[in-house]
Each structure stands twice: as C-alpha cells, then as structure tokens.
Amino acid sequence: MTPKEKAKELFNKIRYMDNESGKNCSTCDCVVIPIAKFICDEIITACDAVYNSDMVHFKETGDGQFWLDVKAEIEKL
C-alpha cells in the first residue's frame, strides 16, 4: 500500500466510523484531517521510542518514512 492509499484509508475510516454503528452520518473534513495527522504522529512517536532504545531513529527507517509520507498525503486531502 502506498502512503497516498494509506492516507485515504485512514481518512475514510475516521470520516465514516459512525456508519459502523448504523448511523447515517459522516464527520466533517475539518475534524478528520487533524485527527488523522495526530494518529500518524502518535505512531511515529511510539515507534521512535522503541527504536531509540537501540539507538536507531524510527524516522530514519523505511517504516518511519512511510508514516511521514502518509501524514504529508493527509495534509493534501
């Protein structure tokens, strides 16, 4: 999955999460985008803490760059 595809998937999961409970509503984009960016930041921060224990920075790995790219794609939505 590309960062762009992941960004769209995450965005849509947040935007339409009320539909899972049978409600017919969606969350405003102005709310979804900051939440999706926050989630990316939390993933990066949590993984960076694990990687830092081995003196490797998560942001410098392929996975870290993936989540930075996802966050950048979310900002474009």
C-alpha atoms as a PDB file:
ATOM      1  CA  MET A   1       0.000   0.000   0.000  1.00  0.00           C
ATOM      2  CA  THR A   2       1.320   3.427  -0.903  1.00  0.00           C
ATOM      3  CA  PRO A   3       1.359   6.337   1.562  1.00  0.00           C
ATOM      4  CA  LYS A   4      -1.367   8.016  -0.532  1.00  0.00           C
ATOM      5  CA  GLU A   5      -3.589   4.928  -0.338  1.00  0.00           C
ATOM      6  CA  LYS A   6      -2.973   4.602   3.417  1.00  0.00           C
ATOM      7  CA  ALA A   7      -3.811   8.279   3.922  1.00  0.00           C
ATOM      8  CA  LYS A   8      -7.126   7.858   2.090  1.00  0.00           C
ATOM      9  CA  GLU A   9      -7.917   4.654   4.017  1.00  0.00           C
ATOM     10  CA  LEU A  10      -7.210   6.292   7.385  1.00  0.00           C
ATOM     11  CA  PHE A  11      -9.149   9.416   6.399  1.00  0.00           C
ATOM     12  CA  ASN A  12     -12.196   7.377   5.339  1.00  0.00           C
ATOM     13  CA  LYS A  13     -12.119   5.153   8.417  1.00  0.00           C
ATOM     14  CA  ILE A  14     -12.254   8.221  10.654  1.00  0.00           C
ATOM     15  CA  ARG A  15     -14.744  10.111   8.495  1.00  0.00           C
ATOM     16  CA  TYR A  16     -17.259   7.295   8.249  1.00  0.00           C
ATOM     17  CA  MET A  17     -16.720   5.485  11.565  1.00  0.00           C
ATOM     18  CA  ASP A  18     -20.260   6.362  12.668  1.00  0.00           C
ATOM     19  CA  ASN A  19     -21.602   4.201   9.837  1.00  0.00           C
ATOM     20  CA  GLU A  20     -20.329   1.105  11.638  1.00  0.00           C
ATOM     21  CA  SER A  21     -22.901   1.681  14.365  1.00  0.00           C
ATOM     22  CA  GLY A  22     -25.708   2.053  11.851  1.00  0.00           C
ATOM     23  CA  LYS A  23     -25.830   5.837  11.927  1.00  0.00           C
ATOM     24  CA  ASN A  24     -26.030   7.622   8.618  1.00  0.00           C
ATOM     25  CA  CYS A  25     -23.609  10.482   9.187  1.00  0.00           C
ATOM     26  CA  SER A  26     -20.049  11.478   8.475  1.00  0.00           C
ATOM     27  CA  THR A  27     -17.507  13.564  10.295  1.00  0.00           C
ATOM     28  CA  CYS A  28     -16.525  16.949   8.864  1.00  0.00           C
ATOM     29  CA  ASP A  29     -13.227  17.003   6.948  1.00  0.00           C
ATOM     30  CA  CYS A  30     -12.012  19.865   9.145  1.00  0.00           C
ATOM     31  CA  VAL A  31     -12.159  17.438  12.068  1.00  0.00           C
ATOM     32  CA  VAL A  32     -10.923  14.319  10.264  1.00  0.00           C
ATOM     33  CA  ILE A  33      -7.654  15.751   8.946  1.00  0.00           C
ATOM     34  CA  PRO A  34      -6.240  16.861  12.343  1.00  0.00           C
ATOM     35  CA  ILE A  35      -7.260  13.518  13.879  1.00  0.00           C
ATOM     36  CA  ALA A  36      -5.591  11.543  11.089  1.00  0.00           C
ATOM     37  CA  LYS A  37      -2.421  13.644  11.404  1.00  0.00           C
ATOM     38  CA  PHE A  38      -2.484  13.133  15.178  1.00  0.00           C
ATOM     39  CA  ILE A  39      -2.704   9.366  14.671  1.00  0.00           C
ATOM     40  CA  CYS A  40       0.329   9.445  12.368  1.00  0.00           C
ATOM     41  CA  ASP A  41       2.253  11.496  14.929  1.00  0.00           C
ATOM     42  CA  GLU A  42       1.351   9.033  17.680  1.00  0.00           C
ATOM     43  CA  ILE A  43       2.515   6.071  15.574  1.00  0.00           C
ATOM     44  CA  ILE A  44       5.784   7.827  14.778  1.00  0.00           C
ATOM     45  CA  THR A  45       6.347   8.847  18.412  1.00  0.00           C
ATOM     46  CA  ALA A  46       5.538   5.404  19.831  1.00  0.00           C
ATOM     47  CA  CYS A  47       7.705   3.570  17.327  1.00  0.00           C
ATOM     48  CA  ASP A  48      10.522   6.080  17.690  1.00  0.00           C
ATOM     49  CA  ALA A  49      10.599   5.363  21.430  1.00  0.00           C
ATOM     50  CA  VAL A  50      11.046   1.641  20.725  1.00  0.00           C
ATOM     51  CA  TYR A  51      13.682   2.197  18.062  1.00  0.00           C
ATOM     52  CA  ASN A  52      15.560   4.755  20.176  1.00  0.00           C
ATOM     53  CA  SER A  53      16.194   2.062  22.737  1.00  0.00           C
ATOM     54  CA  ASP A  54      18.530   0.556  20.129  1.00  0.00           C
ATOM     55  CA  MET A  55      19.949   3.967  19.142  1.00  0.00           C
ATOM     56  CA  VAL A  56      18.136   3.798  15.808  1.00  0.00           C
ATOM     57  CA  HIS A  57      15.716   6.575  14.932  1.00  0.00           C
ATOM     58  CA  PHE A  58      12.412   5.297  13.562  1.00  0.00           C
ATOM     59  CA  LYS A  59      12.063   8.326  11.291  1.00  0.00           C
ATOM     60  CA  GLU A  60      15.232   7.225   9.518  1.00  0.00           C
ATOM     61  CA  THR A  61      13.852   3.775   8.680  1.00  0.00           C
ATOM     62  CA  GLY A  62      11.660   2.843   5.727  1.00  0.00           C
ATOM     63  CA  ASP A  63       8.659   2.414   8.017  1.00  0.00           C
ATOM     64  CA  GLY A  64       9.238   5.769   9.630  1.00  0.00           C
ATOM     65  CA  GLN A  65       9.436   7.484   6.268  1.00  0.00           C
ATOM     66  CA  PHE A  66       6.230   5.719   5.238  1.00  0.00           C
ATOM     67  CA  TRP A  67       4.295   7.288   8.127  1.00  0.00           C
ATOM     68  CA  LEU A  68       5.848  10.694   7.463  1.00  0.00           C
ATOM     69  CA  ASP A  69       4.694  10.330   3.854  1.00  0.00           C
ATOM     70  CA  VAL A  70       1.201   9.265   4.983  1.00  0.00           C
ATOM     71  CA  LYS A  71       0.982  12.382   7.129  1.00  0.00           C
ATOM     72  CA  ALA A  72       2.072  14.527   4.164  1.00  0.00           C
ATOM     73  CA  GLU A  73      -0.600  12.918   1.972  1.00  0.00           C
ATOM     74  CA  ILE A  74      -3.255  13.558   4.629  1.00  0.00           C
ATOM     75  CA  GLU A  75      -2.301  17.242   4.580  1.00  0.00           C
ATOM     76  CA  LYS A  76      -3.083  17.266   0.839  1.00  0.00           C
ATOM     77  CA  LEU A  77      -6.626  15.917   1.305  1.00  0.00           C
END
